[in-house]
Amino acid sequence: MLTEKEFTEAVEQHLDMVYRIALNWFRSPPDAEDAAQNTMLRLWRAEKPFADGEHLRRWLARVTLNECKRISANPWRHRMVSMEICPEPVFSDPARQTLFQDVMELPGKYRVPLYLYYYEGYGVREIGELLGMKTSTVQTRLARAREKLKTQLEEA
């Protein structure tokens, strides 16, 4: 179990990543905040020790994705909010923010692997482990996501 100081440091270091993963999943800031809060609550309650910072980072990413799936499966939740309705900036650089919004318009099965690969720096194998899919599936989804994003940007 983490000490209060370790927990505080972990939250300060990783909360932005957790929130961005959840925001990428939901495209809704309130839902992303709920998922991030639940993830941090799970961290507070976690009893297993973390080997190092990378182990903690991967654990948080996996728990965040699981929490997003759990919230999405709720039968009462049938809403998706467009990023245009909730234009909360995620990045301070306008060009990066614009590209992020273009990525957010992709379908979820392409958006999530693309986000994890380019924005969070996970490798193909790691994304496969996080999402519970084969490496070849992740590679295919990344390639299709790039194609869709390229087409989307050319049309704009």
N, C-alpha and C. Protein backbone atom coordinates (compact mmCIF):
# COMPACT_ATOMS: atom_id res chain seq x y z
N MET A 1 0.85 -1.18 0.00
CA MET A 1 0.00 0.00 0.00
C MET A 1 0.89 1.24 0.00
N LEU A 2 0.48 2.25 -0.78
CA LEU A 2 1.27 3.46 -0.89
C LEU A 2 1.11 4.33 0.35
N THR A 3 2.18 5.03 0.69
CA THR A 3 2.07 6.01 1.76
C THR A 3 1.36 7.24 1.18
N GLU A 4 0.94 8.13 2.05
CA GLU A 4 0.26 9.33 1.59
C GLU A 4 1.16 10.16 0.68
N LYS A 5 2.44 10.24 1.03
CA LYS A 5 3.39 11.00 0.22
C LYS A 5 3.57 10.35 -1.16
N GLU A 6 3.72 9.03 -1.20
CA GLU A 6 3.88 8.32 -2.48
C GLU A 6 2.63 8.48 -3.35
N PHE A 7 1.47 8.40 -2.71
CA PHE A 7 0.21 8.57 -3.44
C PHE A 7 0.14 9.97 -4.04
N THR A 8 0.44 10.98 -3.24
CA THR A 8 0.39 12.38 -3.70
C THR A 8 1.34 12.58 -4.88
N GLU A 9 2.55 12.04 -4.77
CA GLU A 9 3.52 12.16 -5.86
C GLU A 9 3.02 11.45 -7.12
N ALA A 10 2.43 10.27 -6.94
CA ALA A 10 1.91 9.52 -8.09
C ALA A 10 0.78 10.29 -8.77
N VAL A 11 -0.10 10.88 -7.99
CA VAL A 11 -1.21 11.65 -8.55
C VAL A 11 -0.67 12.85 -9.31
N GLU A 12 0.26 13.58 -8.71
CA GLU A 12 0.84 14.75 -9.37
C GLU A 12 1.52 14.38 -10.68
N GLN A 13 2.16 13.23 -10.70
CA GLN A 13 2.92 12.82 -11.88
C GLN A 13 2.04 12.23 -12.97
N HIS A 14 0.97 11.51 -12.61
CA HIS A 14 0.24 10.72 -13.60
C HIS A 14 -1.22 11.13 -13.83
N LEU A 15 -1.76 12.05 -13.07
CA LEU A 15 -3.17 12.40 -13.22
C LEU A 15 -3.48 12.93 -14.62
N ASP A 16 -2.60 13.73 -15.18
CA ASP A 16 -2.84 14.26 -16.53
C ASP A 16 -2.95 13.13 -17.55
N MET A 17 -2.05 12.14 -17.47
CA MET A 17 -2.08 11.01 -18.39
C MET A 17 -3.39 10.25 -18.24
N VAL A 18 -3.79 9.97 -16.99
CA VAL A 18 -5.02 9.23 -16.72
C VAL A 18 -6.22 9.99 -17.29
N TYR A 19 -6.27 11.29 -17.04
CA TYR A 19 -7.38 12.11 -17.54
C TYR A 19 -7.42 12.11 -19.07
N ARG A 20 -6.26 12.26 -19.72
CA ARG A 20 -6.23 12.30 -21.18
C ARG A 20 -6.67 10.97 -21.79
N ILE A 21 -6.27 9.86 -21.18
CA ILE A 21 -6.71 8.55 -21.69
C ILE A 21 -8.23 8.46 -21.57
N ALA A 22 -8.78 8.85 -20.43
CA ALA A 22 -10.23 8.80 -20.23
C ALA A 22 -10.95 9.77 -21.17
N LEU A 23 -10.41 10.95 -21.36
CA LEU A 23 -11.01 11.93 -22.26
C LEU A 23 -11.00 11.40 -23.69
N ASN A 24 -9.92 10.74 -24.05
CA ASN A 24 -9.83 10.14 -25.37
C ASN A 24 -10.89 9.06 -25.53
N TRP A 25 -11.16 8.31 -24.51
CA TRP A 25 -12.16 7.24 -24.57
C TRP A 25 -13.58 7.82 -24.68
N PHE A 26 -13.90 8.77 -23.82
CA PHE A 26 -15.27 9.26 -23.70
C PHE A 26 -15.59 10.46 -24.59
N ARG A 27 -14.59 11.30 -24.84
CA ARG A 27 -14.80 12.58 -25.52
C ARG A 27 -15.76 13.46 -24.72
N SER A 28 -15.77 13.29 -23.42
CA SER A 28 -16.63 14.05 -22.53
C SER A 28 -15.86 14.36 -21.25
N PRO A 29 -15.54 15.63 -20.98
CA PRO A 29 -14.78 15.96 -19.78
C PRO A 29 -15.40 15.45 -18.47
N PRO A 30 -16.72 15.56 -18.26
CA PRO A 30 -17.26 15.05 -16.99
C PRO A 30 -17.06 13.54 -16.81
N ASP A 31 -17.25 12.77 -17.89
CA ASP A 31 -17.04 11.33 -17.81
C ASP A 31 -15.56 11.02 -17.60
N ALA A 32 -14.70 11.77 -18.25
CA ALA A 32 -13.26 11.57 -18.09
C ALA A 32 -12.83 11.87 -16.65
N GLU A 33 -13.41 12.91 -16.07
CA GLU A 33 -13.10 13.24 -14.67
C GLU A 33 -13.55 12.13 -13.74
N ASP A 34 -14.73 11.56 -13.99
CA ASP A 34 -15.21 10.44 -13.16
C ASP A 34 -14.27 9.25 -13.25
N ALA A 35 -13.88 8.91 -14.46
CA ALA A 35 -12.97 7.78 -14.65
C ALA A 35 -11.62 8.03 -13.99
N ALA A 36 -11.10 9.25 -14.13
CA ALA A 36 -9.81 9.58 -13.52
C ALA A 36 -9.90 9.51 -12.00
N GLN A 37 -10.99 10.03 -11.45
CA GLN A 37 -11.17 9.99 -10.00
C GLN A 37 -11.27 8.55 -9.50
N ASN A 38 -12.03 7.71 -10.21
CA ASN A 38 -12.15 6.31 -9.81
C ASN A 38 -10.82 5.57 -9.92
N THR A 39 -10.04 5.92 -10.94
CA THR A 39 -8.72 5.31 -11.10
C THR A 39 -7.80 5.68 -9.94
N MET A 40 -7.82 6.95 -9.55
CA MET A 40 -6.97 7.37 -8.44
C MET A 40 -7.45 6.76 -7.11
N LEU A 41 -8.72 6.56 -6.99
CA LEU A 41 -9.25 5.88 -5.81
C LEU A 41 -8.75 4.43 -5.76
N ARG A 42 -8.72 3.78 -6.92
CA ARG A 42 -8.19 2.42 -6.98
C ARG A 42 -6.70 2.41 -6.63
N LEU A 43 -5.96 3.45 -7.05
CA LEU A 43 -4.55 3.55 -6.70
C LEU A 43 -4.39 3.67 -5.19
N TRP A 44 -5.22 4.50 -4.56
CA TRP A 44 -5.14 4.69 -3.11
C TRP A 44 -5.37 3.37 -2.38
N ARG A 45 -6.29 2.58 -2.91
CA ARG A 45 -6.65 1.30 -2.28
C ARG A 45 -5.74 0.14 -2.69
N ALA A 46 -4.89 0.36 -3.67
CA ALA A 46 -4.04 -0.72 -4.19
C ALA A 46 -3.13 -1.26 -3.10
N GLU A 47 -3.09 -2.56 -3.00
CA GLU A 47 -2.26 -3.19 -1.97
C GLU A 47 -0.97 -3.75 -2.54
N LYS A 48 -0.93 -3.95 -3.86
CA LYS A 48 0.28 -4.53 -4.43
C LYS A 48 1.36 -3.45 -4.59
N PRO A 49 2.59 -3.81 -4.32
CA PRO A 49 3.68 -2.84 -4.49
C PRO A 49 4.04 -2.68 -5.97
N PHE A 50 4.50 -1.52 -6.32
CA PHE A 50 4.91 -1.25 -7.69
C PHE A 50 6.42 -1.31 -7.76
N ALA A 51 6.91 -2.03 -8.76
CA ALA A 51 8.35 -2.25 -8.89
C ALA A 51 9.09 -0.94 -9.17
N ASP A 52 8.51 -0.11 -10.01
CA ASP A 52 9.14 1.17 -10.36
C ASP A 52 8.09 2.10 -10.96
N GLY A 53 8.52 3.25 -11.42
CA GLY A 53 7.61 4.24 -11.97
C GLY A 53 6.93 3.77 -13.24
N GLU A 54 7.63 3.01 -14.07
CA GLU A 54 7.05 2.50 -15.31
C GLU A 54 5.97 1.47 -15.02
N HIS A 55 6.19 0.63 -14.02
CA HIS A 55 5.18 -0.34 -13.60
C HIS A 55 3.92 0.38 -13.14
N LEU A 56 4.08 1.42 -12.36
CA LEU A 56 2.95 2.22 -11.89
C LEU A 56 2.22 2.87 -13.06
N ARG A 57 2.97 3.43 -14.01
CA ARG A 57 2.38 4.10 -15.18
C ARG A 57 1.54 3.12 -15.99
N ARG A 58 2.08 1.92 -16.25
CA ARG A 58 1.33 0.91 -17.01
C ARG A 58 0.10 0.45 -16.23
N TRP A 59 0.24 0.29 -14.93
CA TRP A 59 -0.89 -0.14 -14.10
C TRP A 59 -2.00 0.91 -14.17
N LEU A 60 -1.63 2.17 -14.06
CA LEU A 60 -2.63 3.25 -14.13
C LEU A 60 -3.32 3.30 -15.49
N ALA A 61 -2.55 3.11 -16.56
CA ALA A 61 -3.16 3.12 -17.89
C ALA A 61 -4.15 1.97 -18.02
N ARG A 62 -3.78 0.80 -17.55
CA ARG A 62 -4.66 -0.38 -17.64
C ARG A 62 -5.92 -0.18 -16.79
N VAL A 63 -5.75 0.30 -15.58
CA VAL A 63 -6.90 0.53 -14.70
C VAL A 63 -7.80 1.60 -15.30
N THR A 64 -7.23 2.63 -15.89
CA THR A 64 -8.03 3.69 -16.52
C THR A 64 -8.86 3.12 -17.66
N LEU A 65 -8.25 2.32 -18.51
CA LEU A 65 -8.99 1.72 -19.62
C LEU A 65 -10.10 0.80 -19.10
N ASN A 66 -9.81 0.02 -18.08
CA ASN A 66 -10.83 -0.85 -17.49
C ASN A 66 -11.97 -0.03 -16.89
N GLU A 67 -11.63 1.06 -16.25
CA GLU A 67 -12.64 1.93 -15.65
C GLU A 67 -13.51 2.56 -16.74
N CYS A 68 -12.90 2.96 -17.84
CA CYS A 68 -13.66 3.52 -18.96
C CYS A 68 -14.62 2.47 -19.53
N LYS A 69 -14.16 1.24 -19.66
CA LYS A 69 -15.03 0.17 -20.15
C LYS A 69 -16.18 -0.06 -19.18
N ARG A 70 -15.89 -0.04 -17.88
CA ARG A 70 -16.92 -0.27 -16.87
C ARG A 70 -17.99 0.83 -16.93
N ILE A 71 -17.54 2.07 -17.02
CA ILE A 71 -18.49 3.18 -17.08
C ILE A 71 -19.30 3.12 -18.38
N SER A 72 -18.64 2.77 -19.48
CA SER A 72 -19.32 2.69 -20.78
C SER A 72 -20.37 1.59 -20.79
N ALA A 73 -20.15 0.54 -20.03
CA ALA A 73 -21.08 -0.59 -20.02
C ALA A 73 -22.34 -0.30 -19.20
N ASN A 74 -22.34 0.78 -18.45
CA ASN A 74 -23.49 1.12 -17.64
C ASN A 74 -24.69 1.39 -18.55
N PRO A 75 -25.82 0.67 -18.35
CA PRO A 75 -26.97 0.85 -19.24
C PRO A 75 -27.58 2.25 -19.18
N TRP A 76 -27.31 2.99 -18.13
CA TRP A 76 -27.85 4.34 -18.01
C TRP A 76 -27.05 5.36 -18.82
N ARG A 77 -25.87 4.96 -19.25
CA ARG A 77 -25.00 5.89 -19.95
C ARG A 77 -25.13 5.67 -21.46
N HIS A 78 -25.85 6.54 -22.12
CA HIS A 78 -26.02 6.43 -23.57
C HIS A 78 -25.78 7.78 -24.24
N ARG A 79 -24.75 8.46 -23.81
CA ARG A 79 -24.50 9.76 -24.41
C ARG A 79 -23.03 9.88 -24.78
N MET A 80 -22.80 10.53 -25.88
CA MET A 80 -21.45 10.88 -26.29
C MET A 80 -21.47 12.38 -26.58
N VAL A 81 -20.58 13.12 -25.99
CA VAL A 81 -20.55 14.56 -26.16
C VAL A 81 -19.43 14.89 -27.13
N SER A 82 -19.74 15.67 -28.13
CA SER A 82 -18.75 16.07 -29.11
C SER A 82 -17.73 16.99 -28.46
N MET A 83 -16.49 16.92 -28.94
CA MET A 83 -15.45 17.82 -28.44
C MET A 83 -15.79 19.27 -28.80
N GLU A 84 -16.62 19.48 -29.82
CA GLU A 84 -17.03 20.84 -30.16
C GLU A 84 -17.95 21.41 -29.09
N ILE A 85 -18.71 20.55 -28.45
CA ILE A 85 -19.60 21.00 -27.38
C ILE A 85 -18.79 21.28 -26.12
N CYS A 86 -17.79 20.46 -25.88
CA CYS A 86 -16.92 20.62 -24.71
C CYS A 86 -15.50 20.91 -25.20
N PRO A 87 -15.22 22.11 -25.66
CA PRO A 87 -13.93 22.40 -26.27
C PRO A 87 -12.81 22.67 -25.27
N GLU A 88 -12.80 21.95 -24.18
CA GLU A 88 -11.77 22.13 -23.15
C GLU A 88 -10.40 21.81 -23.75
N PRO A 89 -9.47 22.76 -23.77
CA PRO A 89 -8.15 22.49 -24.33
C PRO A 89 -7.37 21.50 -23.46
N VAL A 90 -6.75 20.55 -24.15
CA VAL A 90 -5.96 19.54 -23.47
C VAL A 90 -4.49 19.91 -23.56
N PHE A 91 -4.11 20.58 -24.63
CA PHE A 91 -2.72 20.98 -24.85
C PHE A 91 -2.66 22.50 -25.01
N SER A 92 -1.58 23.10 -24.54
CA SER A 92 -1.44 24.55 -24.64
C SER A 92 -1.03 25.00 -26.04
N ASP A 93 -0.36 24.13 -26.80
CA ASP A 93 0.05 24.44 -28.16
C ASP A 93 -1.17 24.31 -29.09
N PRO A 94 -1.58 25.39 -29.77
CA PRO A 94 -2.78 25.34 -30.62
C PRO A 94 -2.70 24.29 -31.73
N ALA A 95 -1.53 24.12 -32.35
CA ALA A 95 -1.40 23.13 -33.42
C ALA A 95 -1.60 21.72 -32.87
N ARG A 96 -1.03 21.46 -31.72
CA ARG A 96 -1.16 20.14 -31.10
C ARG A 96 -2.61 19.91 -30.65
N GLN A 97 -3.26 20.95 -30.17
CA GLN A 97 -4.66 20.84 -29.76
C GLN A 97 -5.55 20.55 -30.96
N THR A 98 -5.30 21.21 -32.09
CA THR A 98 -6.08 20.98 -33.30
C THR A 98 -5.92 19.54 -33.79
N LEU A 99 -4.69 19.05 -33.79
CA LEU A 99 -4.44 17.67 -34.19
C LEU A 99 -5.12 16.70 -33.23
N PHE A 100 -5.07 17.01 -31.94
CA PHE A 100 -5.73 16.17 -30.95
C PHE A 100 -7.23 16.09 -31.22
N GLN A 101 -7.86 17.21 -31.56
CA GLN A 101 -9.29 17.21 -31.86
C GLN A 101 -9.59 16.40 -33.12
N ASP A 102 -8.67 16.45 -34.10
CA ASP A 102 -8.85 15.62 -35.29
C ASP A 102 -8.76 14.13 -34.93
N VAL A 103 -7.84 13.78 -34.06
CA VAL A 103 -7.72 12.40 -33.60
C VAL A 103 -8.99 11.99 -32.86
N MET A 104 -9.55 12.90 -32.08
CA MET A 104 -10.75 12.59 -31.30
C MET A 104 -11.97 12.31 -32.18
N GLU A 105 -11.95 12.73 -33.43
CA GLU A 105 -13.06 12.48 -34.33
C GLU A 105 -13.03 11.09 -34.94
N LEU A 106 -11.92 10.38 -34.78
CA LEU A 106 -11.83 9.01 -35.30
C LEU A 106 -12.70 8.08 -34.48
N PRO A 107 -13.15 6.97 -35.06
CA PRO A 107 -13.88 5.97 -34.28
C PRO A 107 -13.00 5.43 -33.15
N GLY A 108 -13.62 5.06 -32.04
CA GLY A 108 -12.90 4.63 -30.85
C GLY A 108 -11.90 3.51 -31.07
N LYS A 109 -12.24 2.54 -31.92
CA LYS A 109 -11.33 1.41 -32.10
C LYS A 109 -10.02 1.84 -32.77
N TYR A 110 -10.02 2.97 -33.45
CA TYR A 110 -8.79 3.50 -34.05
C TYR A 110 -8.20 4.59 -33.17
N ARG A 111 -9.06 5.39 -32.56
CA ARG A 111 -8.62 6.54 -31.76
C ARG A 111 -7.79 6.13 -30.56
N VAL A 112 -8.24 5.14 -29.81
CA VAL A 112 -7.57 4.77 -28.56
C VAL A 112 -6.15 4.23 -28.82
N PRO A 113 -5.96 3.26 -29.74
CA PRO A 113 -4.58 2.81 -29.99
C PRO A 113 -3.67 3.92 -30.52
N LEU A 114 -4.22 4.77 -31.42
CA LEU A 114 -3.44 5.87 -31.98
C LEU A 114 -3.01 6.83 -30.88
N TYR A 115 -3.93 7.15 -29.99
CA TYR A 115 -3.62 8.05 -28.88
C TYR A 115 -2.54 7.44 -27.99
N LEU A 116 -2.71 6.18 -27.60
CA LEU A 116 -1.73 5.54 -26.72
C LEU A 116 -0.35 5.48 -27.37
N TYR A 117 -0.32 5.27 -28.67
CA TYR A 117 0.96 5.14 -29.38
C TYR A 117 1.67 6.49 -29.50
N TYR A 118 0.96 7.49 -30.00
CA TYR A 118 1.61 8.77 -30.28
C TYR A 118 1.64 9.74 -29.10
N TYR A 119 0.62 9.78 -28.30
CA TYR A 119 0.56 10.76 -27.23
C TYR A 119 1.14 10.25 -25.91
N GLU A 120 0.95 8.97 -25.63
CA GLU A 120 1.45 8.43 -24.36
C GLU A 120 2.73 7.63 -24.52
N GLY A 121 3.15 7.35 -25.76
CA GLY A 121 4.43 6.72 -26.01
C GLY A 121 4.50 5.22 -25.78
N TYR A 122 3.37 4.55 -25.77
CA TYR A 122 3.38 3.10 -25.60
C TYR A 122 3.74 2.43 -26.92
N GLY A 123 4.41 1.28 -26.83
CA GLY A 123 4.74 0.49 -28.01
C GLY A 123 3.56 -0.37 -28.42
N VAL A 124 3.66 -0.98 -29.59
CA VAL A 124 2.58 -1.81 -30.12
C VAL A 124 2.28 -2.98 -29.18
N ARG A 125 3.31 -3.64 -28.69
CA ARG A 125 3.12 -4.77 -27.78
C ARG A 125 2.43 -4.34 -26.50
N GLU A 126 2.86 -3.19 -25.96
CA GLU A 126 2.27 -2.67 -24.72
C GLU A 126 0.79 -2.30 -24.92
N ILE A 127 0.48 -1.71 -26.07
CA ILE A 127 -0.91 -1.35 -26.35
C ILE A 127 -1.75 -2.62 -26.45
N GLY A 128 -1.21 -3.64 -27.08
CA GLY A 128 -1.91 -4.91 -27.15
C GLY A 128 -2.21 -5.47 -25.78
N GLU A 129 -1.24 -5.38 -24.88
CA GLU A 129 -1.46 -5.85 -23.51
C GLU A 129 -2.50 -5.01 -22.79
N LEU A 130 -2.44 -3.69 -22.96
CA LEU A 130 -3.38 -2.79 -22.30
C LEU A 130 -4.81 -2.99 -22.79
N LEU A 131 -4.97 -3.19 -24.09
CA LEU A 131 -6.30 -3.31 -24.67
C LEU A 131 -6.77 -4.75 -24.81
N GLY A 132 -5.89 -5.70 -24.50
CA GLY A 132 -6.27 -7.11 -24.58
C GLY A 132 -6.46 -7.58 -26.01
N MET A 133 -5.55 -7.18 -26.89
CA MET A 133 -5.64 -7.62 -28.29
C MET A 133 -4.27 -8.02 -28.80
N LYS A 134 -4.26 -8.74 -29.91
CA LYS A 134 -3.00 -9.20 -30.50
C LYS A 134 -2.21 -8.02 -31.06
N THR A 135 -0.91 -8.20 -31.11
CA THR A 135 -0.02 -7.17 -31.66
C THR A 135 -0.39 -6.85 -33.10
N SER A 136 -0.71 -7.88 -33.87
CA SER A 136 -1.07 -7.66 -35.28
C SER A 136 -2.35 -6.82 -35.40
N THR A 137 -3.28 -7.00 -34.48
CA THR A 137 -4.51 -6.20 -34.49
C THR A 137 -4.19 -4.74 -34.19
N VAL A 138 -3.31 -4.52 -33.24
CA VAL A 138 -2.91 -3.14 -32.91
C VAL A 138 -2.23 -2.50 -34.12
N GLN A 139 -1.34 -3.23 -34.78
CA GLN A 139 -0.65 -2.69 -35.95
C GLN A 139 -1.65 -2.34 -37.06
N THR A 140 -2.63 -3.20 -37.27
CA THR A 140 -3.64 -2.95 -38.29
C THR A 140 -4.46 -1.71 -37.94
N ARG A 141 -4.87 -1.62 -36.69
CA ARG A 141 -5.68 -0.46 -36.28
C ARG A 141 -4.88 0.83 -36.37
N LEU A 142 -3.60 0.79 -36.03
CA LEU A 142 -2.77 1.99 -36.16
C LEU A 142 -2.65 2.40 -37.62
N ALA A 143 -2.43 1.43 -38.51
CA ALA A 143 -2.30 1.74 -39.94
C ALA A 143 -3.61 2.33 -40.47
N ARG A 144 -4.74 1.74 -40.10
CA ARG A 144 -6.03 2.25 -40.57
C ARG A 144 -6.33 3.62 -39.96
N ALA A 145 -5.93 3.81 -38.72
CA ALA A 145 -6.14 5.12 -38.08
C ALA A 145 -5.34 6.19 -38.80
N ARG A 146 -4.11 5.87 -39.16
CA ARG A 146 -3.29 6.84 -39.89
C ARG A 146 -3.93 7.19 -41.23
N GLU A 147 -4.43 6.16 -41.93
CA GLU A 147 -5.09 6.39 -43.22
C GLU A 147 -6.31 7.29 -43.05
N LYS A 148 -7.14 6.98 -42.06
CA LYS A 148 -8.35 7.77 -41.82
C LYS A 148 -8.00 9.21 -41.43
N LEU A 149 -6.99 9.36 -40.58
CA LEU A 149 -6.57 10.70 -40.16
C LEU A 149 -6.01 11.48 -41.34
N LYS A 150 -5.24 10.82 -42.19
CA LYS A 150 -4.69 11.48 -43.39
C LYS A 150 -5.81 11.97 -44.30
N THR A 151 -6.78 11.10 -44.54
CA THR A 151 -7.93 11.47 -45.37
C THR A 151 -8.70 12.63 -44.75
N GLN A 152 -8.90 12.55 -43.47
CA GLN A 152 -9.63 13.59 -42.73
C GLN A 152 -8.90 14.93 -42.83
N LEU A 153 -7.58 14.92 -42.70
CA LEU A 153 -6.80 16.16 -42.77
C LEU A 153 -6.75 16.72 -44.20
N GLU A 154 -6.71 15.83 -45.19
CA GLU A 154 -6.70 16.29 -46.58
C GLU A 154 -8.01 16.96 -46.95
N GLU A 155 -9.12 16.45 -46.39
CA GLU A 155 -10.43 17.04 -46.68
C GLU A 155 -10.61 18.41 -46.01
N ALA A 156 -9.89 18.65 -44.94
CA ALA A 156 -10.04 19.91 -44.20
C ALA A 156 -9.29 21.05 -44.83
